[in-house]
PDB file of all heavy atoms in Angstrom:
ATOM      1  N   MET A   1       0.851  -1.202   0.000  1.00  0.00           N
ATOM      2  CA  MET A   1       0.000   0.000   0.000  1.00  0.00           C
ATOM      3  C   MET A   1       0.886   1.251   0.000  1.00  0.00           C
ATOM      4  O   MET A   1       1.831   1.348   0.788  1.00  0.00           O
ATOM      5  CB  MET A   1      -0.913  -0.030   1.237  1.00  0.00           C
ATOM      6  CG  MET A   1      -1.918   1.099   1.268  1.00  0.00           C
ATOM      7  SD  MET A   1      -3.055   0.905   2.665  1.00  0.00           S
ATOM      8  CE  MET A   1      -4.101   2.305   2.364  1.00  0.00           C
ATOM      9  N   HIS A   2       0.589   2.212  -0.900  1.00  0.00           N
ATOM     10  CA  HIS A   2       1.390   3.424  -1.013  1.00  0.00           C
ATOM     11  C   HIS A   2       1.169   4.327   0.195  1.00  0.00           C
ATOM     12  O   HIS A   2       0.056   4.541   0.631  1.00  0.00           O
ATOM     13  CB  HIS A   2       0.998   4.218  -2.255  1.00  0.00           C
ATOM     14  CG  HIS A   2       1.887   3.922  -3.423  1.00  0.00           C
ATOM     15  ND1 HIS A   2       3.219   3.710  -3.280  1.00  0.00           N
ATOM     16  CD2 HIS A   2       1.603   3.832  -4.748  1.00  0.00           C
ATOM     17  CE1 HIS A   2       3.750   3.497  -4.479  1.00  0.00           C
ATOM     18  NE2 HIS A   2       2.777   3.552  -5.386  1.00  0.00           N
ATOM     19  N   ARG A   3       2.234   4.893   0.735  1.00  0.00           N
ATOM     20  CA  ARG A   3       2.130   5.880   1.792  1.00  0.00           C
ATOM     21  C   ARG A   3       2.016   7.252   1.137  1.00  0.00           C
ATOM     22  O   ARG A   3       2.869   7.643   0.343  1.00  0.00           O
ATOM     23  CB  ARG A   3       3.374   5.832   2.687  1.00  0.00           C
ATOM     24  CG  ARG A   3       3.378   6.880   3.798  1.00  0.00           C
ATOM     25  CD  ARG A   3       4.578   6.670   4.697  1.00  0.00           C
ATOM     26  NE  ARG A   3       5.819   6.999   4.029  1.00  0.00           N
ATOM     27  CZ  ARG A   3       6.384   8.216   4.044  1.00  0.00           C
ATOM     28  NH1 ARG A   3       5.779   9.204   4.675  1.00  0.00           N
ATOM     29  NH2 ARG A   3       7.532   8.429   3.409  1.00  0.00           N
ATOM     30  N   MET A   4       0.936   7.969   1.450  1.00  0.00           N
ATOM     31  CA  MET A   4       0.746   9.314   0.898  1.00  0.00           C
ATOM     32  C   MET A   4       1.690  10.277   1.602  1.00  0.00           C
ATOM     33  O   MET A   4       1.693  10.364   2.828  1.00  0.00           O
ATOM     34  CB  MET A   4      -0.701   9.772   1.091  1.00  0.00           C
ATOM     35  CG  MET A   4      -1.712   8.971   0.292  1.00  0.00           C
ATOM     36  SD  MET A   4      -1.469   9.169  -1.503  1.00  0.00           S
ATOM     37  CE  MET A   4      -1.909  10.877  -1.694  1.00  0.00           C
ATOM     38  N   ILE A   5       2.507  10.962   0.835  1.00  0.00           N
ATOM     39  CA  ILE A   5       3.451  11.921   1.406  1.00  0.00           C
ATOM     40  C   ILE A   5       2.793  13.291   1.393  1.00  0.00           C
ATOM     41  O   ILE A   5       2.417  13.798   0.330  1.00  0.00           O
ATOM     42  CB  ILE A   5       4.756  11.954   0.608  1.00  0.00           C
ATOM     43  CG1 ILE A   5       5.392  10.568   0.589  1.00  0.00           C
ATOM     44  CG2 ILE A   5       5.728  12.982   1.199  1.00  0.00           C
ATOM     45  CD1 ILE A   5       6.614  10.473  -0.293  1.00  0.00           C
ATOM     46  N   PRO A   6       2.598  13.902   2.564  1.00  0.00           N
ATOM     47  CA  PRO A   6       1.899  15.190   2.604  1.00  0.00           C
ATOM     48  C   PRO A   6       2.731  16.305   1.985  1.00  0.00           C
ATOM     49  O   PRO A   6       3.964  16.259   1.966  1.00  0.00           O
ATOM     50  CB  PRO A   6       1.695  15.432   4.102  1.00  0.00           C
ATOM     51  CG  PRO A   6       2.801  14.670   4.761  1.00  0.00           C
ATOM     52  CD  PRO A   6       3.031  13.457   3.897  1.00  0.00           C
ATOM     53  N   THR A   7       2.015  17.305   1.456  1.00  0.00           N
ATOM     54  CA  THR A   7       2.651  18.510   0.912  1.00  0.00           C
ATOM     55  C   THR A   7       2.409  19.662   1.873  1.00  0.00           C
ATOM     56  O   THR A   7       1.277  19.885   2.313  1.00  0.00           O
ATOM     57  CB  THR A   7       2.077  18.848  -0.470  1.00  0.00           C
ATOM     58  OG1 THR A   7       2.328  17.769  -1.363  1.00  0.00           O
ATOM     59  CG2 THR A   7       2.714  20.113  -1.024  1.00  0.00           C
ATOM     60  N   THR A   8       3.455  20.386   2.176  1.00  0.00           N
ATOM     61  CA  THR A   8       3.374  21.532   3.067  1.00  0.00           C
ATOM     62  C   THR A   8       3.664  22.807   2.284  1.00  0.00           C
ATOM     63  O   THR A   8       4.610  22.854   1.495  1.00  0.00           O
ATOM     64  CB  THR A   8       4.397  21.407   4.217  1.00  0.00           C
ATOM     65  OG1 THR A   8       4.139  20.214   4.948  1.00  0.00           O
ATOM     66  CG2 THR A   8       4.328  22.603   5.152  1.00  0.00           C
ATOM     67  N   ILE A   9       2.839  23.827   2.480  1.00  0.00           N
ATOM     68  CA  ILE A   9       3.108  25.143   1.913  1.00  0.00           C
ATOM     69  C   ILE A   9       3.491  26.065   3.065  1.00  0.00           C
ATOM     70  O   ILE A   9       2.753  26.187   4.044  1.00  0.00           O
ATOM     71  CB  ILE A   9       1.891  25.691   1.153  1.00  0.00           C
ATOM     72  CG1 ILE A   9       1.574  24.802  -0.052  1.00  0.00           C
ATOM     73  CG2 ILE A   9       2.155  27.128   0.690  1.00  0.00           C
ATOM     74  CD1 ILE A   9       0.345  25.223  -0.834  1.00  0.00           C
ATOM     75  N   ARG A  10       4.647  26.676   2.941  1.00  0.00           N
ATOM     76  CA  ARG A  10       5.181  27.514   4.018  1.00  0.00           C
ATOM     77  C   ARG A  10       5.942  28.700   3.420  1.00  0.00           C
ATOM     78  O   ARG A  10       6.252  28.717   2.223  1.00  0.00           O
ATOM     79  CB  ARG A  10       6.127  26.689   4.903  1.00  0.00           C
ATOM     80  CG  ARG A  10       7.297  26.082   4.141  1.00  0.00           C
ATOM     81  CD  ARG A  10       8.367  25.563   5.078  1.00  0.00           C
ATOM     82  NE  ARG A  10       9.457  24.901   4.351  1.00  0.00           N
ATOM     83  CZ  ARG A  10      10.443  25.546   3.731  1.00  0.00           C
ATOM     84  NH1 ARG A  10      10.470  26.877   3.721  1.00  0.00           N
ATOM     85  NH2 ARG A  10      11.410  24.868   3.111  1.00  0.00           N
ATOM     86  N   PRO A  11       6.269  29.706   4.250  1.00  0.00           N
ATOM     87  CA  PRO A  11       7.046  30.831   3.736  1.00  0.00           C
ATOM     88  C   PRO A  11       8.409  30.393   3.194  1.00  0.00           C
ATOM     89  O   PRO A  11       9.053  29.502   3.753  1.00  0.00           O
ATOM     90  CB  PRO A  11       7.208  31.739   4.960  1.00  0.00           C
ATOM     91  CG  PRO A  11       6.045  31.392   5.835  1.00  0.00           C
ATOM     92  CD  PRO A  11       5.814  29.928   5.643  1.00  0.00           C
ATOM     93  N   MET A  12       8.815  31.020   2.100  1.00  0.00           N
ATOM     94  CA  MET A  12      10.155  30.759   1.553  1.00  0.00           C
ATOM     95  C   MET A  12      11.207  31.396   2.446  1.00  0.00           C
ATOM     96  O   MET A  12      11.063  32.529   2.896  1.00  0.00           O
ATOM     97  CB  MET A  12      10.253  31.332   0.135  1.00  0.00           C
ATOM     98  CG  MET A  12      11.626  31.141  -0.512  1.00  0.00           C
ATOM     99  SD  MET A  12      11.784  32.019  -2.107  1.00  0.00           S
ATOM    100  CE  MET A  12      10.747  31.016  -3.168  1.00  0.00           C
ATOM    101  N   ARG A  13      12.274  30.654   2.690  1.00  0.00           N
ATOM    102  CA  ARG A  13      13.414  31.154   3.449  1.00  0.00           C
ATOM    103  C   ARG A  13      14.604  31.347   2.503  1.00  0.00           C
ATOM    104  O   ARG A  13      14.669  30.696   1.453  1.00  0.00           O
ATOM    105  CB  ARG A  13      13.776  30.190   4.565  1.00  0.00           C
ATOM    106  CG  ARG A  13      12.663  29.940   5.574  1.00  0.00           C
ATOM    107  CD  ARG A  13      13.144  29.043   6.689  1.00  0.00           C
ATOM    108  NE  ARG A  13      13.311  27.653   6.257  1.00  0.00           N
ATOM    109  CZ  ARG A  13      12.460  26.671   6.503  1.00  0.00           C
ATOM    110  NH1 ARG A  13      11.338  26.930   7.174  1.00  0.00           N
ATOM    111  NH2 ARG A  13      12.708  25.438   6.096  1.00  0.00           N
ATOM    112  N   PRO A  14      15.562  32.193   2.870  1.00  0.00           N
ATOM    113  CA  PRO A  14      16.755  32.340   2.024  1.00  0.00           C
ATOM    114  C   PRO A  14      17.453  31.015   1.740  1.00  0.00           C
ATOM    115  O   PRO A  14      18.034  30.840   0.665  1.00  0.00           O
ATOM    116  CB  PRO A  14      17.645  33.286   2.832  1.00  0.00           C
ATOM    117  CG  PRO A  14      16.670  34.125   3.613  1.00  0.00           C
ATOM    118  CD  PRO A  14      15.559  33.172   3.985  1.00  0.00           C
ATOM    119  N   THR A  15      17.359  30.081   2.665  1.00  0.00           N
ATOM    120  CA  THR A  15      17.990  28.778   2.456  1.00  0.00           C
ATOM    121  C   THR A  15      17.261  27.927   1.415  1.00  0.00           C
ATOM    122  O   THR A  15      17.790  26.909   0.980  1.00  0.00           O
ATOM    123  CB  THR A  15      18.066  27.999   3.782  1.00  0.00           C
ATOM    124  OG1 THR A  15      16.753  27.972   4.381  1.00  0.00           O
ATOM    125  CG2 THR A  15      19.038  28.662   4.746  1.00  0.00           C
ATOM    126  N   ASP A  16      16.058  28.349   0.995  1.00  0.00           N
ATOM    127  CA  ASP A  16      15.305  27.623  -0.039  1.00  0.00           C
ATOM    128  C   ASP A  16      15.663  28.086  -1.447  1.00  0.00           C
ATOM    129  O   ASP A  16      15.272  27.448  -2.427  1.00  0.00           O
ATOM    130  CB  ASP A  16      13.790  27.833   0.142  1.00  0.00           C
ATOM    131  CG  ASP A  16      13.261  27.284   1.449  1.00  0.00           C
ATOM    132  OD1 ASP A  16      13.644  26.163   1.812  1.00  0.00           O
ATOM    133  OD2 ASP A  16      12.462  28.001   2.098  1.00  0.00           O
ATOM    134  N   VAL A  17      16.377  29.204  -1.566  1.00  0.00           N
ATOM    135  CA  VAL A  17      16.565  29.842  -2.865  1.00  0.00           C
ATOM    136  C   VAL A  17      17.259  28.925  -3.865  1.00  0.00           C
ATOM    137  O   VAL A  17      16.836  28.798  -5.017  1.00  0.00           O
ATOM    138  CB  VAL A  17      17.329  31.170  -2.712  1.00  0.00           C
ATOM    139  CG1 VAL A  17      17.808  31.688  -4.068  1.00  0.00           C
ATOM    140  CG2 VAL A  17      16.450  32.207  -2.029  1.00  0.00           C
ATOM    141  N   ALA A  18      18.335  28.267  -3.437  1.00  0.00           N
ATOM    142  CA  ALA A  18      19.089  27.427  -4.373  1.00  0.00           C
ATOM    143  C   ALA A  18      18.218  26.289  -4.907  1.00  0.00           C
ATOM    144  O   ALA A  18      18.218  26.007  -6.120  1.00  0.00           O
ATOM    145  CB  ALA A  18      20.333  26.856  -3.691  1.00  0.00           C
ATOM    146  N   GLU A  19      17.447  25.657  -4.041  1.00  0.00           N
ATOM    147  CA  GLU A  19      16.619  24.523  -4.470  1.00  0.00           C
ATOM    148  C   GLU A  19      15.467  24.994  -5.364  1.00  0.00           C
ATOM    149  O   GLU A  19      15.158  24.360  -6.382  1.00  0.00           O
ATOM    150  CB  GLU A  19      16.082  23.778  -3.253  1.00  0.00           C
ATOM    151  CG  GLU A  19      15.425  22.459  -3.598  1.00  0.00           C
ATOM    152  CD  GLU A  19      15.005  21.660  -2.367  1.00  0.00           C
ATOM    153  OE1 GLU A  19      15.280  22.106  -1.236  1.00  0.00           O
ATOM    154  OE2 GLU A  19      14.384  20.591  -2.564  1.00  0.00           O
ATOM    155  N   ALA A  20      14.826  26.103  -4.985  1.00  0.00           N
ATOM    156  CA  ALA A  20      13.734  26.638  -5.804  1.00  0.00           C
ATOM    157  C   ALA A  20      14.251  27.074  -7.171  1.00  0.00           C
ATOM    158  O   ALA A  20      13.613  26.826  -8.203  1.00  0.00           O
ATOM    159  CB  ALA A  20      13.075  27.807  -5.084  1.00  0.00           C
ATOM    160  N   THR A  21      15.414  27.688  -7.201  1.00  0.00           N
ATOM    161  CA  THR A  21      16.017  28.111  -8.467  1.00  0.00           C
ATOM    162  C   THR A  21      16.296  26.916  -9.364  1.00  0.00           C
ATOM    163  O   THR A  21      16.006  26.947 -10.567  1.00  0.00           O
ATOM    164  CB  THR A  21      17.329  28.871  -8.193  1.00  0.00           C
ATOM    165  OG1 THR A  21      17.044  30.038  -7.408  1.00  0.00           O
ATOM    166  CG2 THR A  21      17.998  29.291  -9.498  1.00  0.00           C
ATOM    167  N   ALA A  22      16.861  25.856  -8.774  1.00  0.00           N
ATOM    168  CA  ALA A  22      17.189  24.657  -9.555  1.00  0.00           C
ATOM    169  C   ALA A  22      15.933  24.007 -10.129  1.00  0.00           C
ATOM    170  O   ALA A  22      15.925  23.558 -11.281  1.00  0.00           O
ATOM    171  CB  ALA A  22      17.957  23.665  -8.686  1.00  0.00           C
ATOM    172  N   ALA A  23      14.856  23.957  -9.342  1.00  0.00           N
ATOM    173  CA  ALA A  23      13.615  23.340  -9.807  1.00  0.00           C
ATOM    174  C   ALA A  23      13.050  24.097 -11.008  1.00  0.00           C
ATOM    175  O   ALA A  23      12.603  23.490 -11.995  1.00  0.00           O
ATOM    176  CB  ALA A  23      12.595  23.306  -8.671  1.00  0.00           C
ATOM    177  N   ILE A  24      13.074  25.429 -10.951  1.00  0.00           N
ATOM    178  CA  ILE A  24      12.539  26.232 -12.042  1.00  0.00           C
ATOM    179  C   ILE A  24      13.437  26.151 -13.278  1.00  0.00           C
ATOM    180  O   ILE A  24      12.955  26.078 -14.414  1.00  0.00           O
ATOM    181  CB  ILE A  24      12.332  27.679 -11.563  1.00  0.00           C
ATOM    182  CG1 ILE A  24      11.084  27.726 -10.664  1.00  0.00           C
ATOM    183  CG2 ILE A  24      12.190  28.647 -12.720  1.00  0.00           C
ATOM    184  CD1 ILE A  24      10.736  29.096 -10.138  1.00  0.00           C
ATOM    185  N   LEU A  25      14.750  26.136 -13.053  1.00  0.00           N
ATOM    186  CA  LEU A  25      15.675  25.975 -14.180  1.00  0.00           C
ATOM    187  C   LEU A  25      15.444  24.647 -14.892  1.00  0.00           C
ATOM    188  O   LEU A  25      15.431  24.571 -16.125  1.00  0.00           O
ATOM    189  CB  LEU A  25      17.118  26.055 -13.696  1.00  0.00           C
ATOM    190  CG  LEU A  25      17.755  27.442 -13.618  1.00  0.00           C
ATOM    191  CD1 LEU A  25      19.110  27.357 -12.920  1.00  0.00           C
ATOM    192  CD2 LEU A  25      17.918  28.034 -15.005  1.00  0.00           C
ATOM    193  N   ASP A  26      15.255  23.581 -14.116  1.00  0.00           N
ATOM    194  CA  ASP A  26      15.042  22.250 -14.700  1.00  0.00           C
ATOM    195  C   ASP A  26      13.788  22.218 -15.564  1.00  0.00           C
ATOM    196  O   ASP A  26      13.713  21.450 -16.535  1.00  0.00           O
ATOM    197  CB  ASP A  26      14.934  21.189 -13.594  1.00  0.00           C
ATOM    198  CG  ASP A  26      16.282  20.867 -12.958  1.00  0.00           C
ATOM    199  OD1 ASP A  26      17.318  21.249 -13.542  1.00  0.00           O
ATOM    200  OD2 ASP A  26      16.286  20.252 -11.875  1.00  0.00           O
ATOM    201  N   ALA A  27      12.801  23.041 -15.212  1.00  0.00           N
ATOM    202  CA  ALA A  27      11.543  23.065 -15.969  1.00  0.00           C
ATOM    203  C   ALA A  27      11.582  24.045 -17.133  1.00  0.00           C
ATOM    204  O   ALA A  27      10.580  24.211 -17.839  1.00  0.00           O
ATOM    205  CB  ALA A  27      10.388  23.406 -15.035  1.00  0.00           C
ATOM    206  N   GLY A  28      12.721  24.712 -17.335  1.00  0.00           N
ATOM    207  CA  GLY A  28      12.851  25.613 -18.473  1.00  0.00           C
ATOM    208  C   GLY A  28      12.260  26.986 -18.264  1.00  0.00           C
ATOM    209  O   GLY A  28      11.994  27.702 -19.235  1.00  0.00           O
ATOM    210  N   TRP A  29      12.089  27.404 -17.026  1.00  0.00           N
ATOM    211  CA  TRP A  29      11.513  28.715 -16.737  1.00  0.00           C
ATOM    212  C   TRP A  29      12.561  29.810 -16.611  1.00  0.00           C
ATOM    213  O   TRP A  29      12.227  30.959 -16.368  1.00  0.00           O
ATOM    214  CB  TRP A  29      10.690  28.654 -15.441  1.00  0.00           C
ATOM    215  CG  TRP A  29       9.257  28.300 -15.636  1.00  0.00           C
ATOM    216  CD1 TRP A  29       8.738  27.452 -16.556  1.00  0.00           C
ATOM    217  CD2 TRP A  29       8.149  28.799 -14.880  1.00  0.00           C
ATOM    218  NE1 TRP A  29       7.377  27.371 -16.414  1.00  0.00           N
ATOM    219  CE2 TRP A  29       6.986  28.184 -15.391  1.00  0.00           C
ATOM    220  CE3 TRP A  29       8.012  29.673 -13.811  1.00  0.00           C
ATOM    221  CZ2 TRP A  29       5.718  28.433 -14.883  1.00  0.00           C
ATOM    222  CZ3 TRP A  29       6.752  29.924 -13.299  1.00  0.00           C
ATOM    223  CH2 TRP A  29       5.617  29.315 -13.838  1.00  0.00           C
ATOM    224  N   GLY A  30      13.825  29.498 -16.728  1.00  0.00           N
ATOM    225  CA  GLY A  30      14.865  30.513 -16.618  1.00  0.00           C
ATOM    226  C   GLY A  30      15.428  30.617 -15.213  1.00  0.00           C
ATOM    227  O   GLY A  30      14.957  29.974 -14.273  1.00  0.00           O
ATOM    228  N   ASP A  31      16.457  31.437 -15.076  1.00  0.00           N
ATOM    229  CA  ASP A  31      17.178  31.581 -13.808  1.00  0.00           C
ATOM    230  C   ASP A  31      16.508  32.651 -12.952  1.00  0.00           C
ATOM    231  O   ASP A  31      16.517  33.828 -13.291  1.00  0.00           O
ATOM    232  CB  ASP A  31      18.637  31.949 -14.089  1.00  0.00           C
ATOM    233  CG  ASP A  31      19.511  31.865 -12.852  1.00  0.00           C
ATOM    234  OD1 ASP A  31      18.952  31.797 -11.729  1.00  0.00           O
ATOM    235  OD2 ASP A  31      20.740  31.874 -12.996  1.00  0.00           O
ATOM    236  N   ARG A  32      15.928  32.251 -11.828  1.00  0.00           N
ATOM    237  CA  ARG A  32      15.244  33.183 -10.922  1.00  0.00           C
ATOM    238  C   ARG A  32      16.044  33.449  -9.632  1.00  0.00           C
ATOM    239  O   ARG A  32      15.475  33.967  -8.669  1.00  0.00           O
ATOM    240  CB  ARG A  32      13.864  32.634 -10.543  1.00  0.00           C
ATOM    241  CG  ARG A  32      12.951  32.272 -11.707  1.00  0.00           C
ATOM    242  CD  ARG A  32      12.611  33.493 -12.551  1.00  0.00           C
ATOM    243  NE  ARG A  32      11.835  33.132 -13.730  1.00  0.00           N
ATOM    244  CZ  ARG A  32      10.503  33.146 -13.775  1.00  0.00           C
ATOM    245  NH1 ARG A  32       9.809  33.513 -12.724  1.00  0.00           N
ATOM    246  NH2 ARG A  32       9.885  32.800 -14.891  1.00  0.00           N
ATOM    247  N   ARG A  33      17.327  33.108  -9.611  1.00  0.00           N
ATOM    248  CA  ARG A  33      18.076  33.198  -8.350  1.00  0.00           C
ATOM    249  C   ARG A  33      18.087  34.624  -7.793  1.00  0.00           C
ATOM    250  O   ARG A  33      17.785  34.828  -6.609  1.00  0.00           O
ATOM    251  CB  ARG A  33      19.501  32.702  -8.527  1.00  0.00           C
ATOM    252  CG  ARG A  33      20.335  32.810  -7.234  1.00  0.00           C
ATOM    253  CD  ARG A  33      21.727  32.276  -7.403  1.00  0.00           C
ATOM    254  NE  ARG A  33      21.732  30.827  -7.504  1.00  0.00           N
ATOM    255  CZ  ARG A  33      21.742  30.012  -6.447  1.00  0.00           C
ATOM    256  NH1 ARG A  33      21.726  30.512  -5.225  1.00  0.00           N
ATOM    257  NH2 ARG A  33      21.749  28.711  -6.619  1.00  0.00           N
ATOM    258  N   GLU A  34      18.444  35.620  -8.614  1.00  0.00           N
ATOM    259  CA  GLU A  34      18.503  36.986  -8.095  1.00  0.00           C
ATOM    260  C   GLU A  34      17.138  37.443  -7.590  1.00  0.00           C
ATOM    261  O   GLU A  34      17.036  38.130  -6.566  1.00  0.00           O
ATOM    262  CB  GLU A  34      19.008  37.944  -9.179  1.00  0.00           C
ATOM    263  CG  GLU A  34      20.510  37.979  -9.327  1.00  0.00           C
ATOM    264  CD  GLU A  34      20.963  39.143 -10.189  1.00  0.00           C
ATOM    265  OE1 GLU A  34      20.670  39.108 -11.398  1.00  0.00           O
ATOM    266  OE2 GLU A  34      21.594  40.076  -9.652  1.00  0.00           O
ATOM    267  N   PHE A  35      16.096  37.061  -8.321  1.00  0.00           N
ATOM    268  CA  PHE A  35      14.745  37.427  -7.903  1.00  0.00           C
ATOM    269  C   PHE A  35      14.395  36.779  -6.574  1.00  0.00           C
ATOM    270  O   PHE A  35      13.910  37.449  -5.644  1.00  0.00           O
ATOM    271  CB  PHE A  35      13.757  37.016  -8.993  1.00  0.00           C
ATOM    272  CG  PHE A  35      12.320  37.186  -8.606  1.00  0.00           C
ATOM    273  CD1 PHE A  35      11.803  38.438  -8.335  1.00  0.00           C
ATOM    274  CD2 PHE A  35      11.480  36.091  -8.507  1.00  0.00           C
ATOM    275  CE1 PHE A  35      10.468  38.598  -7.975  1.00  0.00           C
ATOM    276  CE2 PHE A  35      10.156  36.236  -8.150  1.00  0.00           C
ATOM    277  CZ  PHE A  35       9.640  37.488  -7.876  1.00  0.00           C
ATOM    278  N   PHE A  36      14.646  35.486  -6.427  1.00  0.00           N
ATOM    279  CA  PHE A  36      14.351  34.804  -5.170  1.00  0.00           C
ATOM    280  C   PHE A  36      15.225  35.332  -4.025  1.00  0.00           C
ATOM    281  O   PHE A  36      14.768  35.429  -2.882  1.00  0.00           O
ATOM    282  CB  PHE A  36      14.535  33.293  -5.315  1.00  0.00           C
ATOM    283  CG  PHE A  36      13.417  32.599  -6.047  1.00  0.00           C
ATOM    284  CD1 PHE A  36      13.669  31.449  -6.781  1.00  0.00           C
ATOM    285  CD2 PHE A  36      12.119  33.066  -5.995  1.00  0.00           C
ATOM    286  CE1 PHE A  36      12.650  30.782  -7.450  1.00  0.00           C
ATOM    287  CE2 PHE A  36      11.086  32.422  -6.669  1.00  0.00           C
ATOM    288  CZ  PHE A  36      11.351  31.278  -7.396  1.00  0.00           C
ATOM    289  N   ASP A  37      16.476  35.651  -4.320  1.00  0.00           N
ATOM    290  CA  ASP A  37      17.333  36.258  -3.297  1.00  0.00           C
ATOM    291  C   ASP A  37      16.687  37.524  -2.753  1.00  0.00           C
ATOM    292  O   ASP A  37      16.728  37.792  -1.539  1.00  0.00           O
ATOM    293  CB  ASP A  37      18.712  36.600  -3.878  1.00  0.00           C
ATOM    294  CG  ASP A  37      19.646  35.397  -3.949  1.00  0.00           C
ATOM    295  OD1 ASP A  37      19.431  34.425  -3.206  1.00  0.00           O
ATOM    296  OD2 ASP A  37      20.592  35.443  -4.752  1.00  0.00           O
TER     297      ASP A  37
END
């Protein structure tokens, strides 16, 4: 039986910037690092 992994929505922290930037880059949305910073 599959375990459902919950999704949490929370405020972005500066420590999230690198991961969020990488996810958007991988999807072809461009580099948002300076904006997220």
